[in-house]
Amino acid sequence: MDDLFEPFEVAAIAAAVRSLKADLGDDVRIGLFGSRARRDHRPESDFDVLCLIPDGLTVNFGVVEDNVVEAMEALGGLANVQFVPESRLEYLYFEFAYLPGAIRDMVDVTGMSDSHAVPGIR
């Protein structure tokens, strides 16, 4: 798994994880989905990030997303962040056609908070 991501990607993902945990706490689960998780991305592809949050968490998610986008853009990456409360994950799985594939391809990156971390298990 050490070589799943390029060094630039590891740095960008770690920046997103640090930003999300700083704003939301350590109880969030963070996954990377889409073309970068599937490894069929283009150089200009964005990072699709799914943040599974505890039910009842009340924060300004617009600000949280802006912080992630800013952290990743500083490293040359683009971010697309989706926030999903734990209790809504099953509903969303059936409601949105892209989500089953996204979950199937998702890489758990919750533990990647620095550039030396090993990516989560696929």
PDB file of N, CA and C in Angstrom:
ATOM      1  N   MET A   1       0.805  -1.206   0.000  1.00  0.00           N
ATOM      2  CA  MET A   1       0.000   0.000   0.000  1.00  0.00           C
ATOM      3  C   MET A   1       0.849   1.272   0.000  1.00  0.00           C
ATOM      4  N   ASP A   2       2.110   1.168   0.379  1.00  0.00           N
ATOM      5  CA  ASP A   2       2.948   2.363   0.458  1.00  0.00           C
ATOM      6  C   ASP A   2       3.018   3.096  -0.871  1.00  0.00           C
ATOM      7  N   ASP A   3       2.925   2.361  -1.971  1.00  0.00           N
ATOM      8  CA  ASP A   3       3.081   2.987  -3.274  1.00  0.00           C
ATOM      9  C   ASP A   3       1.745   3.224  -3.980  1.00  0.00           C
ATOM     10  N   LEU A   4       0.644   3.196  -3.243  1.00  0.00           N
ATOM     11  CA  LEU A   4      -0.662   3.437  -3.848  1.00  0.00           C
ATOM     12  C   LEU A   4      -0.758   4.850  -4.402  1.00  0.00           C
ATOM     13  N   PHE A   5      -0.189   5.816  -3.692  1.00  0.00           N
ATOM     14  CA  PHE A   5      -0.259   7.215  -4.099  1.00  0.00           C
ATOM     15  C   PHE A   5       1.126   7.778  -4.382  1.00  0.00           C
ATOM     16  N   GLU A   6       1.160   8.741  -5.302  1.00  0.00           N
ATOM     17  CA  GLU A   6       2.378   9.492  -5.589  1.00  0.00           C
ATOM     18  C   GLU A   6       2.669  10.436  -4.419  1.00  0.00           C
ATOM     19  N   PRO A   7       3.911  10.863  -4.228  1.00  0.00           N
ATOM     20  CA  PRO A   7       4.238  11.763  -3.112  1.00  0.00           C
ATOM     21  C   PRO A   7       3.396  13.037  -3.074  1.00  0.00           C
ATOM     22  N   PHE A   8       3.127  13.634  -4.241  1.00  0.00           N
ATOM     23  CA  PHE A   8       2.275  14.823  -4.283  1.00  0.00           C
ATOM     24  C   PHE A   8       0.888  14.512  -3.743  1.00  0.00           C
ATOM     25  N   GLU A   9       0.354  13.338  -4.122  1.00  0.00           N
ATOM     26  CA  GLU A   9      -0.981  12.964  -3.665  1.00  0.00           C
ATOM     27  C   GLU A   9      -1.005  12.728  -2.155  1.00  0.00           C
ATOM     28  N   VAL A  10       0.021  12.081  -1.637  1.00  0.00           N
ATOM     29  CA  VAL A  10       0.105  11.843  -0.196  1.00  0.00           C
ATOM     30  C   VAL A  10       0.095  13.168   0.556  1.00  0.00           C
ATOM     31  N   ALA A  11       0.875  14.129   0.083  1.00  0.00           N
ATOM     32  CA  ALA A  11       0.925  15.442   0.738  1.00  0.00           C
ATOM     33  C   ALA A  11      -0.428  16.142   0.675  1.00  0.00           C
ATOM     34  N   ALA A  12      -1.098  16.080  -0.476  1.00  0.00           N
ATOM     35  CA  ALA A  12      -2.392  16.741  -0.626  1.00  0.00           C
ATOM     36  C   ALA A  12      -3.459  16.078   0.237  1.00  0.00           C
ATOM     37  N   ILE A  13      -3.485  14.747   0.248  1.00  0.00           N
ATOM     38  CA  ILE A  13      -4.461  14.021   1.071  1.00  0.00           C
ATOM     39  C   ILE A  13      -4.206  14.281   2.546  1.00  0.00           C
ATOM     40  N   ALA A  14      -2.947  14.257   2.947  1.00  0.00           N
ATOM     41  CA  ALA A  14      -2.615  14.522   4.352  1.00  0.00           C
ATOM     42  C   ALA A  14      -3.057  15.923   4.755  1.00  0.00           C
ATOM     43  N   ALA A  15      -2.910  16.895   3.865  1.00  0.00           N
ATOM     44  CA  ALA A  15      -3.359  18.261   4.160  1.00  0.00           C
ATOM     45  C   ALA A  15      -4.866  18.301   4.360  1.00  0.00           C
ATOM     46  N   ALA A  16      -5.602  17.561   3.527  1.00  0.00           N
ATOM     47  CA  ALA A  16      -7.062  17.512   3.663  1.00  0.00           C
ATOM     48  C   ALA A  16      -7.463  16.852   4.978  1.00  0.00           C
ATOM     49  N   VAL A  17      -6.812  15.754   5.317  1.00  0.00           N
ATOM     50  CA  VAL A  17      -7.132  15.043   6.564  1.00  0.00           C
ATOM     51  C   VAL A  17      -6.844  15.926   7.771  1.00  0.00           C
ATOM     52  N   ARG A  18      -5.705  16.580   7.777  1.00  0.00           N
ATOM     53  CA  ARG A  18      -5.372  17.489   8.894  1.00  0.00           C
ATOM     54  C   ARG A  18      -6.408  18.586   9.028  1.00  0.00           C
ATOM     55  N   SER A  19      -6.797  19.175   7.909  1.00  0.00           N
ATOM     56  CA  SER A  19      -7.773  20.259   7.922  1.00  0.00           C
ATOM     57  C   SER A  19      -9.121  19.776   8.446  1.00  0.00           C
ATOM     58  N   LEU A  20      -9.586  18.624   7.954  1.00  0.00           N
ATOM     59  CA  LEU A  20     -10.873  18.094   8.391  1.00  0.00           C
ATOM     60  C   LEU A  20     -10.866  17.750   9.873  1.00  0.00           C
ATOM     61  N   LYS A  21      -9.798  17.107  10.339  1.00  0.00           N
ATOM     62  CA  LYS A  21      -9.728  16.748  11.761  1.00  0.00           C
ATOM     63  C   LYS A  21      -9.617  17.981  12.649  1.00  0.00           C
ATOM     64  N   ALA A  22      -8.925  19.012  12.179  1.00  0.00           N
ATOM     65  CA  ALA A  22      -8.813  20.246  12.964  1.00  0.00           C
ATOM     66  C   ALA A  22     -10.174  20.909  13.122  1.00  0.00           C
ATOM     67  N   ASP A  23     -10.996  20.851  12.076  1.00  0.00           N
ATOM     68  CA  ASP A  23     -12.311  21.500  12.110  1.00  0.00           C
ATOM     69  C   ASP A  23     -13.407  20.620  12.705  1.00  0.00           C
ATOM     70  N   LEU A  24     -13.303  19.298  12.550  1.00  0.00           N
ATOM     71  CA  LEU A  24     -14.397  18.404  12.920  1.00  0.00           C
ATOM     72  C   LEU A  24     -14.074  17.447  14.058  1.00  0.00           C
ATOM     73  N   GLY A  25     -12.819  17.348  14.437  1.00  0.00           N
ATOM     74  CA  GLY A  25     -12.432  16.418  15.498  1.00  0.00           C
ATOM     75  C   GLY A  25     -11.955  15.093  14.937  1.00  0.00           C
ATOM     76  N   ASP A  26     -11.522  14.236  15.832  1.00  0.00           N
ATOM     77  CA  ASP A  26     -10.931  12.960  15.427  1.00  0.00           C
ATOM     78  C   ASP A  26     -11.946  11.851  15.167  1.00  0.00           C
ATOM     79  N   ASP A  27     -13.231  12.113  15.391  1.00  0.00           N
ATOM     80  CA  ASP A  27     -14.241  11.076  15.206  1.00  0.00           C
ATOM     81  C   ASP A  27     -14.736  10.953  13.776  1.00  0.00           C
ATOM     82  N   VAL A  28     -14.193  11.729  12.863  1.00  0.00           N
ATOM     83  CA  VAL A  28     -14.620  11.638  11.464  1.00  0.00           C
ATOM     84  C   VAL A  28     -13.857  10.516  10.772  1.00  0.00           C
ATOM     85  N   ARG A  29     -14.491   9.938   9.755  1.00  0.00           N
ATOM     86  CA  ARG A  29     -13.828   8.971   8.885  1.00  0.00           C
ATOM     87  C   ARG A  29     -13.711   9.637   7.533  1.00  0.00           C
ATOM     88  N   ILE A  30     -12.588   9.493   6.899  1.00  0.00           N
ATOM     89  CA  ILE A  30     -12.320  10.209   5.658  1.00  0.00           C
ATOM     90  C   ILE A  30     -11.907   9.207   4.590  1.00  0.00           C
ATOM     91  N   GLY A  31     -12.552   9.318   3.442  1.00  0.00           N
ATOM     92  CA  GLY A  31     -12.246   8.422   2.341  1.00  0.00           C
ATOM     93  C   GLY A  31     -11.980   9.189   1.059  1.00  0.00           C
ATOM     94  N   LEU A  32     -11.158   8.625   0.231  1.00  0.00           N
ATOM     95  CA  LEU A  32     -10.890   9.162  -1.093  1.00  0.00           C
ATOM     96  C   LEU A  32     -11.612   8.260  -2.086  1.00  0.00           C
ATOM     97  N   PHE A  33     -12.409   8.857  -2.975  1.00  0.00           N
ATOM     98  CA  PHE A  33     -13.113   8.059  -3.971  1.00  0.00           C
ATOM     99  C   PHE A  33     -12.904   8.689  -5.339  1.00  0.00           C
ATOM    100  N   GLY A  34     -13.488   8.109  -6.345  1.00  0.00           N
ATOM    101  CA  GLY A  34     -13.367   8.654  -7.696  1.00  0.00           C
ATOM    102  C   GLY A  34     -12.112   8.181  -8.399  1.00  0.00           C
ATOM    103  N   SER A  35     -11.718   8.957  -9.400  1.00  0.00           N
ATOM    104  CA  SER A  35     -10.632   8.519 -10.279  1.00  0.00           C
ATOM    105  C   SER A  35      -9.297   8.356  -9.564  1.00  0.00           C
ATOM    106  N   ARG A  36      -9.014   9.188  -8.565  1.00  0.00           N
ATOM    107  CA  ARG A  36      -7.732   9.024  -7.856  1.00  0.00           C
ATOM    108  C   ARG A  36      -7.716   7.756  -7.015  1.00  0.00           C
ATOM    109  N   ALA A  37      -8.848   7.383  -6.441  1.00  0.00           N
ATOM    110  CA  ALA A  37      -8.921   6.133  -5.687  1.00  0.00           C
ATOM    111  C   ALA A  37      -8.827   4.930  -6.622  1.00  0.00           C
ATOM    112  N   ARG A  38      -9.442   5.045  -7.794  1.00  0.00           N
ATOM    113  CA  ARG A  38      -9.399   3.948  -8.780  1.00  0.00           C
ATOM    114  C   ARG A  38      -8.060   3.893  -9.507  1.00  0.00           C
ATOM    115  N   ARG A  39      -7.292   4.961  -9.416  1.00  0.00           N
ATOM    116  CA  ARG A  39      -5.988   5.098 -10.077  1.00  0.00           C
ATOM    117  C   ARG A  39      -6.118   5.229 -11.589  1.00  0.00           C
ATOM    118  N   ASP A  40      -7.246   5.795 -12.066  1.00  0.00           N
ATOM    119  CA  ASP A  40      -7.392   6.054 -13.499  1.00  0.00           C
ATOM    120  C   ASP A  40      -7.553   7.552 -13.761  1.00  0.00           C
ATOM    121  N   HIS A  41      -6.976   8.356 -12.896  1.00  0.00           N
ATOM    122  CA  HIS A  41      -7.093   9.812 -12.973  1.00  0.00           C
ATOM    123  C   HIS A  41      -6.136  10.402 -14.001  1.00  0.00           C
ATOM    124  N   ARG A  42      -6.437  11.637 -14.376  1.00  0.00           N
ATOM    125  CA  ARG A  42      -5.534  12.437 -15.211  1.00  0.00           C
ATOM    126  C   ARG A  42      -4.756  13.359 -14.279  1.00  0.00           C
ATOM    127  N   PRO A  43      -3.665  13.946 -14.738  1.00  0.00           N
ATOM    128  CA  PRO A  43      -2.885  14.836 -13.865  1.00  0.00           C
ATOM    129  C   PRO A  43      -3.702  15.987 -13.272  1.00  0.00           C
ATOM    130  N   GLU A  44      -4.699  16.476 -14.009  1.00  0.00           N
ATOM    131  CA  GLU A  44      -5.484  17.613 -13.528  1.00  0.00           C
ATOM    132  C   GLU A  44      -6.727  17.193 -12.732  1.00  0.00           C
ATOM    133  N   SER A  45      -6.918  15.903 -12.520  1.00  0.00           N
ATOM    134  CA  SER A  45      -8.096  15.418 -11.793  1.00  0.00           C
ATOM    135  C   SER A  45      -8.118  15.947 -10.360  1.00  0.00           C
ATOM    136  N   ASP A  46      -9.345  16.168  -9.872  1.00  0.00           N
ATOM    137  CA  ASP A  46      -9.486  16.616  -8.490  1.00  0.00           C
ATOM    138  C   ASP A  46      -9.418  15.422  -7.539  1.00  0.00           C
ATOM    139  N   PHE A  47      -9.404  15.740  -6.260  1.00  0.00           N
ATOM    140  CA  PHE A  47      -9.435  14.744  -5.197  1.00  0.00           C
ATOM    141  C   PHE A  47     -10.862  14.713  -4.663  1.00  0.00           C
ATOM    142  N   ASP A  48     -11.553  13.596  -4.833  1.00  0.00           N
ATOM    143  CA  ASP A  48     -12.913  13.443  -4.320  1.00  0.00           C
ATOM    144  C   ASP A  48     -12.817  12.876  -2.908  1.00  0.00           C
ATOM    145  N   VAL A  49     -13.257  13.664  -1.935  1.00  0.00           N
ATOM    146  CA  VAL A  49     -13.122  13.313  -0.529  1.00  0.00           C
ATOM    147  C   VAL A  49     -14.511  13.143   0.077  1.00  0.00           C
ATOM    148  N   LEU A  50     -14.736  12.003   0.728  1.00  0.00           N
ATOM    149  CA  LEU A  50     -15.972  11.773   1.462  1.00  0.00           C
ATOM    150  C   LEU A  50     -15.645  11.800   2.946  1.00  0.00           C
ATOM    151  N   CYS A  51     -16.358  12.633   3.671  1.00  0.00           N
ATOM    152  CA  CYS A  51     -16.140  12.759   5.104  1.00  0.00           C
ATOM    153  C   CYS A  51     -17.387  12.241   5.814  1.00  0.00           C
ATOM    154  N   LEU A  52     -17.258  11.108   6.482  1.00  0.00           N
ATOM    155  CA  LEU A  52     -18.351  10.511   7.240  1.00  0.00           C
ATOM    156  C   LEU A  52     -18.298  11.106   8.640  1.00  0.00           C
ATOM    157  N   ILE A  53     -19.345  11.850   8.992  1.00  0.00           N
ATOM    158  CA  ILE A  53     -19.343  12.607  10.247  1.00  0.00           C
ATOM    159  C   ILE A  53     -20.318  12.013  11.256  1.00  0.00           C
ATOM    160  N   PRO A  54     -20.025  12.184  12.530  1.00  0.00           N
ATOM    161  CA  PRO A  54     -20.957  11.712  13.560  1.00  0.00           C
ATOM    162  C   PRO A  54     -22.290  12.454  13.447  1.00  0.00           C
ATOM    163  N   ASP A  55     -23.366  11.745  13.713  1.00  0.00           N
ATOM    164  CA  ASP A  55     -24.691  12.369  13.701  1.00  0.00           C
ATOM    165  C   ASP A  55     -24.738  13.494  14.727  1.00  0.00           C
ATOM    166  N   GLY A  56     -25.430  14.563  14.367  1.00  0.00           N
ATOM    167  CA  GLY A  56     -25.622  15.674  15.294  1.00  0.00           C
ATOM    168  C   GLY A  56     -24.492  16.690  15.324  1.00  0.00           C
ATOM    169  N   LEU A  57     -23.446  16.463  14.565  1.00  0.00           N
ATOM    170  CA  LEU A  57     -22.347  17.428  14.528  1.00  0.00           C
ATOM    171  C   LEU A  57     -22.824  18.687  13.828  1.00  0.00           C
ATOM    172  N   THR A  58     -22.714  19.810  14.496  1.00  0.00           N
ATOM    173  CA  THR A  58     -23.179  21.068  13.908  1.00  0.00           C
ATOM    174  C   THR A  58     -22.011  22.033  13.793  1.00  0.00           C
ATOM    175  N   VAL A  59     -21.597  22.230  12.573  1.00  0.00           N
ATOM    176  CA  VAL A  59     -20.550  23.200  12.250  1.00  0.00           C
ATOM    177  C   VAL A  59     -20.923  23.832  10.914  1.00  0.00           C
ATOM    178  N   ASN A  60     -20.222  24.856  10.538  1.00  0.00           N
ATOM    179  CA  ASN A  60     -20.433  25.480   9.242  1.00  0.00           C
ATOM    180  C   ASN A  60     -19.625  24.691   8.204  1.00  0.00           C
ATOM    181  N   PHE A  61     -20.312  23.768   7.518  1.00  0.00           N
ATOM    182  CA  PHE A  61     -19.605  22.892   6.585  1.00  0.00           C
ATOM    183  C   PHE A  61     -19.044  23.644   5.393  1.00  0.00           C
ATOM    184  N   GLY A  62     -19.620  24.788   5.054  1.00  0.00           N
ATOM    185  CA  GLY A  62     -19.054  25.615   3.987  1.00  0.00           C
ATOM    186  C   GLY A  62     -17.658  26.092   4.342  1.00  0.00           C
ATOM    187  N   VAL A  63     -17.479  26.508   5.576  1.00  0.00           N
ATOM    188  CA  VAL A  63     -16.165  26.951   6.052  1.00  0.00           C
ATOM    189  C   VAL A  63     -15.200  25.774   6.093  1.00  0.00           C
ATOM    190  N   VAL A  64     -15.676  24.627   6.576  1.00  0.00           N
ATOM    191  CA  VAL A  64     -14.830  23.437   6.650  1.00  0.00           C
ATOM    192  C   VAL A  64     -14.357  23.047   5.249  1.00  0.00           C
ATOM    193  N   GLU A  65     -15.288  23.044   4.292  1.00  0.00           N
ATOM    194  CA  GLU A  65     -14.924  22.711   2.916  1.00  0.00           C
ATOM    195  C   GLU A  65     -13.928  23.724   2.358  1.00  0.00           C
ATOM    196  N   ASP A  66     -14.163  25.006   2.603  1.00  0.00           N
ATOM    197  CA  ASP A  66     -13.229  26.038   2.136  1.00  0.00           C
ATOM    198  C   ASP A  66     -11.834  25.805   2.687  1.00  0.00           C
ATOM    199  N   ASN A  67     -11.735  25.389   3.946  1.00  0.00           N
ATOM    200  CA  ASN A  67     -10.429  25.136   4.561  1.00  0.00           C
ATOM    201  C   ASN A  67      -9.711  23.972   3.882  1.00  0.00           C
ATOM    202  N   VAL A  68     -10.458  22.926   3.544  1.00  0.00           N
ATOM    203  CA  VAL A  68      -9.866  21.777   2.847  1.00  0.00           C
ATOM    204  C   VAL A  68      -9.400  22.193   1.459  1.00  0.00           C
ATOM    205  N   VAL A  69     -10.259  22.895   0.740  1.00  0.00           N
ATOM    206  CA  VAL A  69      -9.919  23.349  -0.608  1.00  0.00           C
ATOM    207  C   VAL A  69      -8.664  24.213  -0.575  1.00  0.00           C
ATOM    208  N   GLU A  70      -8.597  25.126   0.375  1.00  0.00           N
ATOM    209  CA  GLU A  70      -7.425  26.001   0.497  1.00  0.00           C
ATOM    210  C   GLU A  70      -6.164  25.203   0.814  1.00  0.00           C
ATOM    211  N   ALA A  71      -6.275  24.234   1.719  1.00  0.00           N
ATOM    212  CA  ALA A  71      -5.109  23.417   2.079  1.00  0.00           C
ATOM    213  C   ALA A  71      -4.596  22.622   0.889  1.00  0.00           C
ATOM    214  N   MET A  72      -5.511  22.078   0.096  1.00  0.00           N
ATOM    215  CA  MET A  72      -5.088  21.277  -1.051  1.00  0.00           C
ATOM    216  C   MET A  72      -4.593  22.150  -2.199  1.00  0.00           C
ATOM    217  N   GLU A  73      -5.236  23.296  -2.404  1.00  0.00           N
ATOM    218  CA  GLU A  73      -4.788  24.187  -3.482  1.00  0.00           C
ATOM    219  C   GLU A  73      -3.381  24.707  -3.224  1.00  0.00           C
ATOM    220  N   ALA A  74      -3.029  24.872  -1.956  1.00  0.00           N
ATOM    221  CA  ALA A  74      -1.668  25.321  -1.620  1.00  0.00           C
ATOM    222  C   ALA A  74      -0.628  24.327  -2.116  1.00  0.00           C
ATOM    223  N   LEU A  75      -1.037  23.076  -2.291  1.00  0.00           N
ATOM    224  CA  LEU A  75      -0.140  22.029  -2.785  1.00  0.00           C
ATOM    225  C   LEU A  75      -0.377  21.711  -4.258  1.00  0.00           C
ATOM    226  N   GLY A  76      -1.260  22.478  -4.903  1.00  0.00           N
ATOM    227  CA  GLY A  76      -1.521  22.278  -6.323  1.00  0.00           C
ATOM    228  C   GLY A  76      -2.630  21.295  -6.630  1.00  0.00           C
ATOM    229  N   GLY A  77      -3.426  20.919  -5.632  1.00  0.00           N
ATOM    230  CA  GLY A  77      -4.522  19.973  -5.856  1.00  0.00           C
ATOM    231  C   GLY A  77      -5.880  20.641  -5.781  1.00  0.00           C
ATOM    232  N   LEU A  78      -6.855  20.051  -6.423  1.00  0.00           N
ATOM    233  CA  LEU A  78      -8.231  20.529  -6.361  1.00  0.00           C
ATOM    234  C   LEU A  78      -9.044  19.527  -5.555  1.00  0.00           C
ATOM    235  N   ALA A  79      -9.981  20.026  -4.748  1.00  0.00           N
ATOM    236  CA  ALA A  79     -10.751  19.145  -3.877  1.00  0.00           C
ATOM    237  C   ALA A  79     -12.244  19.250  -4.137  1.00  0.00           C
ATOM    238  N   ASN A  80     -12.912  18.120  -4.046  1.00  0.00           N
ATOM    239  CA  ASN A  80     -14.360  18.023  -4.035  1.00  0.00           C
ATOM    240  C   ASN A  80     -14.697  17.284  -2.743  1.00  0.00           C
ATOM    241  N   VAL A  81     -15.346  17.958  -1.798  1.00  0.00           N
ATOM    242  CA  VAL A  81     -15.593  17.374  -0.489  1.00  0.00           C
ATOM    243  C   VAL A  81     -17.084  17.124  -0.298  1.00  0.00           C
ATOM    244  N   GLN A  82     -17.427  15.911   0.096  1.00  0.00           N
ATOM    245  CA  GLN A  82     -18.803  15.536   0.411  1.00  0.00           C
ATOM    246  C   GLN A  82     -18.869  15.180   1.893  1.00  0.00           C
ATOM    247  N   PHE A  83     -19.846  15.730   2.601  1.00  0.00           N
ATOM    248  CA  PHE A  83     -20.052  15.421   4.009  1.00  0.00           C
ATOM    249  C   PHE A  83     -21.297  14.556   4.141  1.00  0.00           C
ATOM    250  N   VAL A  84     -21.173  13.437   4.830  1.00  0.00           N
ATOM    251  CA  VAL A  84     -22.297  12.518   5.000  1.00  0.00           C
ATOM    252  C   VAL A  84     -22.399  12.128   6.470  1.00  0.00           C
ATOM    253  N   PRO A  85     -23.540  12.420   7.121  1.00  0.00           N
ATOM    254  CA  PRO A  85     -23.741  11.929   8.488  1.00  0.00           C
ATOM    255  C   PRO A  85     -23.824  10.405   8.487  1.00  0.00           C
ATOM    256  N   GLU A  86     -23.294   9.781   9.520  1.00  0.00           N
ATOM    257  CA  GLU A  86     -23.267   8.324   9.591  1.00  0.00           C
ATOM    258  C   GLU A  86     -24.640   7.702   9.344  1.00  0.00           C
ATOM    259  N   SER A  87     -25.693   8.280   9.909  1.00  0.00           N
ATOM    260  CA  SER A  87     -27.027   7.688   9.783  1.00  0.00           C
ATOM    261  C   SER A  87     -27.606   7.839   8.377  1.00  0.00           C
ATOM    262  N   ARG A  88     -27.046   8.679   7.539  1.00  0.00           N
ATOM    263  CA  ARG A  88     -27.569   8.914   6.188  1.00  0.00           C
ATOM    264  C   ARG A  88     -26.820   8.121   5.126  1.00  0.00           C
ATOM    265  N   LEU A  89     -25.771   7.454   5.492  1.00  0.00           N
ATOM    266  CA  LEU A  89     -24.960   6.765   4.490  1.00  0.00           C
ATOM    267  C   LEU A  89     -25.778   5.725   3.728  1.00  0.00           C
ATOM    268  N   GLU A  90     -26.575   4.923   4.432  1.00  0.00           N
ATOM    269  CA  GLU A  90     -27.373   3.900   3.749  1.00  0.00           C
ATOM    270  C   GLU A  90     -28.390   4.541   2.812  1.00  0.00           C
ATOM    271  N   TYR A  91     -29.039   5.613   3.267  1.00  0.00           N
ATOM    272  CA  TYR A  91     -30.002   6.314   2.424  1.00  0.00           C
ATOM    273  C   TYR A  91     -29.326   6.837   1.154  1.00  0.00           C
ATOM    274  N   LEU A  92     -28.186   7.471   1.332  1.00  0.00           N
ATOM    275  CA  LEU A  92     -27.482   8.040   0.188  1.00  0.00           C
ATOM    276  C   LEU A  92     -27.004   6.953  -0.767  1.00  0.00           C
ATOM    277  N   TYR A  93     -26.682   5.810  -0.229  1.00  0.00           N
ATOM    278  CA  TYR A  93     -26.230   4.694  -1.053  1.00  0.00           C
ATOM    279  C   TYR A  93     -27.274   4.347  -2.104  1.00  0.00           C
ATOM    280  N   PHE A  94     -28.542   4.387  -1.715  1.00  0.00           N
ATOM    281  CA  PHE A  94     -29.616   4.042  -2.637  1.00  0.00           C
ATOM    282  C   PHE A  94     -30.121   5.247  -3.421  1.00  0.00           C
ATOM    283  N   GLU A  95     -29.938   6.435  -2.891  1.00  0.00           N
ATOM    284  CA  GLU A  95     -30.493   7.641  -3.503  1.00  0.00           C
ATOM    285  C   GLU A  95     -29.662   8.134  -4.689  1.00  0.00           C
ATOM    286  N   PHE A  96     -28.358   8.016  -4.600  1.00  0.00           N
ATOM    287  CA  PHE A  96     -27.482   8.570  -5.629  1.00  0.00           C
ATOM    288  C   PHE A  96     -26.750   7.457  -6.363  1.00  0.00           C
ATOM    289  N   ALA A  97     -26.874   7.456  -7.667  1.00  0.00           N
ATOM    290  CA  ALA A  97     -26.326   6.369  -8.475  1.00  0.00           C
ATOM    291  C   ALA A  97     -24.808   6.245  -8.351  1.00  0.00           C
ATOM    292  N   TYR A  98     -24.099   7.366  -8.138  1.00  0.00           N
ATOM    293  CA  TYR A  98     -22.639   7.298  -8.115  1.00  0.00           C
ATOM    294  C   TYR A  98     -22.106   6.725  -6.816  1.00  0.00           C
ATOM    295  N   LEU A  99     -22.896   6.755  -5.749  1.00  0.00           N
ATOM    296  CA  LEU A  99     -22.347   6.412  -4.440  1.00  0.00           C
ATOM    297  C   LEU A  99     -21.953   4.943  -4.297  1.00  0.00           C
ATOM    298  N   PRO A 100     -22.729   3.964  -4.802  1.00  0.00           N
ATOM    299  CA  PRO A 100     -22.263   2.575  -4.652  1.00  0.00           C
ATOM    300  C   PRO A 100     -20.873   2.352  -5.240  1.00  0.00           C
ATOM    301  N   GLY A 101     -20.623   2.894  -6.426  1.00  0.00           N
ATOM    302  CA  GLY A 101     -19.301   2.770  -7.018  1.00  0.00           C
ATOM    303  C   GLY A 101     -18.252   3.515  -6.225  1.00  0.00           C
ATOM    304  N   ALA A 102     -18.634   4.675  -5.720  1.00  0.00           N
ATOM    305  CA  ALA A 102     -17.697   5.474  -4.927  1.00  0.00           C
ATOM    306  C   ALA A 102     -17.298   4.733  -3.668  1.00  0.00           C
ATOM    307  N   ILE A 103     -18.261   4.115  -3.019  1.00  0.00           N
ATOM    308  CA  ILE A 103     -17.955   3.370  -1.797  1.00  0.00           C
ATOM    309  C   ILE A 103     -17.120   2.140  -2.120  1.00  0.00           C
ATOM    310  N   ARG A 104     -17.451   1.462  -3.204  1.00  0.00           N
ATOM    311  CA  ARG A 104     -16.697   0.273  -3.600  1.00  0.00           C
ATOM    312  C   ARG A 104     -15.228   0.614  -3.854  1.00  0.00           C
ATOM    313  N   ASP A 105     -14.982   1.751  -4.493  1.00  0.00           N
ATOM    314  CA  ASP A 105     -13.623   2.138  -4.871  1.00  0.00           C
ATOM    315  C   ASP A 105     -12.902   2.953  -3.806  1.00  0.00           C
ATOM    316  N   MET A 106     -13.591   3.293  -2.726  1.00  0.00           N
ATOM    317  CA  MET A 106     -13.041   4.228  -1.757  1.00  0.00           C
ATOM    318  C   MET A 106     -11.813   3.669  -1.035  1.00  0.00           C
ATOM    319  N   VAL A 107     -10.890   4.564  -0.765  1.00  0.00           N
ATOM    320  CA  VAL A 107      -9.707   4.247   0.015  1.00  0.00           C
ATOM    321  C   VAL A 107      -9.830   5.019   1.321  1.00  0.00           C
ATOM    322  N   ASP A 108      -9.761   4.314   2.451  1.00  0.00           N
ATOM    323  CA  ASP A 108      -9.848   4.955   3.756  1.00  0.00           C
ATOM    324  C   ASP A 108      -8.534   5.690   4.020  1.00  0.00           C
ATOM    325  N   VAL A 109      -8.604   7.014   4.128  1.00  0.00           N
ATOM    326  CA  VAL A 109      -7.405   7.822   4.340  1.00  0.00           C
ATOM    327  C   VAL A 109      -7.439   8.533   5.693  1.00  0.00           C
ATOM    328  N   THR A 110      -8.314   8.079   6.595  1.00  0.00           N
ATOM    329  CA  THR A 110      -8.483   8.724   7.894  1.00  0.00           C
ATOM    330  C   THR A 110      -7.159   8.858   8.634  1.00  0.00           C
ATOM    331  N   GLY A 111      -6.293   7.869   8.529  1.00  0.00           N
ATOM    332  CA  GLY A 111      -5.028   7.885   9.263  1.00  0.00           C
ATOM    333  C   GLY A 111      -3.912   8.675   8.607  1.00  0.00           C
ATOM    334  N   MET A 112      -4.154   9.216   7.434  1.00  0.00           N
ATOM    335  CA  MET A 112      -3.098   9.960   6.736  1.00  0.00           C
ATOM    336  C   MET A 112      -3.104  11.415   7.188  1.00  0.00           C
ATOM    337  N   SER A 113      -2.347  11.711   8.226  1.00  0.00           N
ATOM    338  CA  SER A 113      -2.306  13.093   8.686  1.00  0.00           C
ATOM    339  C   SER A 113      -0.951  13.730   8.480  1.00  0.00           C
ATOM    340  N   ASP A 114      -0.002  12.952   7.999  1.00  0.00           N
ATOM    341  CA  ASP A 114       1.287  13.545   7.624  1.00  0.00           C
ATOM    342  C   ASP A 114       1.814  12.813   6.407  1.00  0.00           C
ATOM    343  N   SER A 115       2.802  13.372   5.792  1.00  0.00           N
ATOM    344  CA  SER A 115       3.269  12.834   4.510  1.00  0.00           C
ATOM    345  C   SER A 115       3.991  11.502   4.657  1.00  0.00           C
ATOM    346  N   HIS A 116       4.202  11.039   5.885  1.00  0.00           N
ATOM    347  CA  HIS A 116       4.872   9.738   6.094  1.00  0.00           C
ATOM    348  C   HIS A 116       3.874   8.634   6.387  1.00  0.00           C
ATOM    349  N   ALA A 117       2.581   8.973   6.438  1.00  0.00           N
ATOM    350  CA  ALA A 117       1.566   7.978   6.770  1.00  0.00           C
ATOM    351  C   ALA A 117       1.373   7.000   5.621  1.00  0.00           C
ATOM    352  N   VAL A 118       0.961   5.816   5.966  1.00  0.00           N
ATOM    353  CA  VAL A 118       0.644   4.806   4.970  1.00  0.00           C
ATOM    354  C   VAL A 118      -0.835   4.911   4.652  1.00  0.00           C
ATOM    355  N   PRO A 119      -1.220   4.926   3.387  1.00  0.00           N
ATOM    356  CA  PRO A 119      -2.641   5.022   3.040  1.00  0.00           C
ATOM    357  C   PRO A 119      -3.447   3.900   3.665  1.00  0.00           C
ATOM    358  N   GLY A 120      -4.749   4.171   3.847  1.00  0.00           N
ATOM    359  CA  GLY A 120      -5.660   3.173   4.401  1.00  0.00           C
ATOM    360  C   GLY A 120      -5.823   1.993   3.472  1.00  0.00           C
ATOM    361  N   ILE A 121      -6.466   1.002   3.959  1.00  0.00           N
ATOM    362  CA  ILE A 121      -6.645  -0.239   3.198  1.00  0.00           C
ATOM    363  C   ILE A 121      -7.767  -0.080   2.207  1.00  0.00           C
ATOM    364  N   ARG A 122      -7.545  -0.516   1.023  1.00  0.00           N
ATOM    365  CA  ARG A 122      -8.554  -0.443  -0.038  1.00  0.00           C
ATOM    366  C   ARG A 122      -9.634  -1.460   0.238  1.00  0.00           C
TER     367      ARG A 122
END
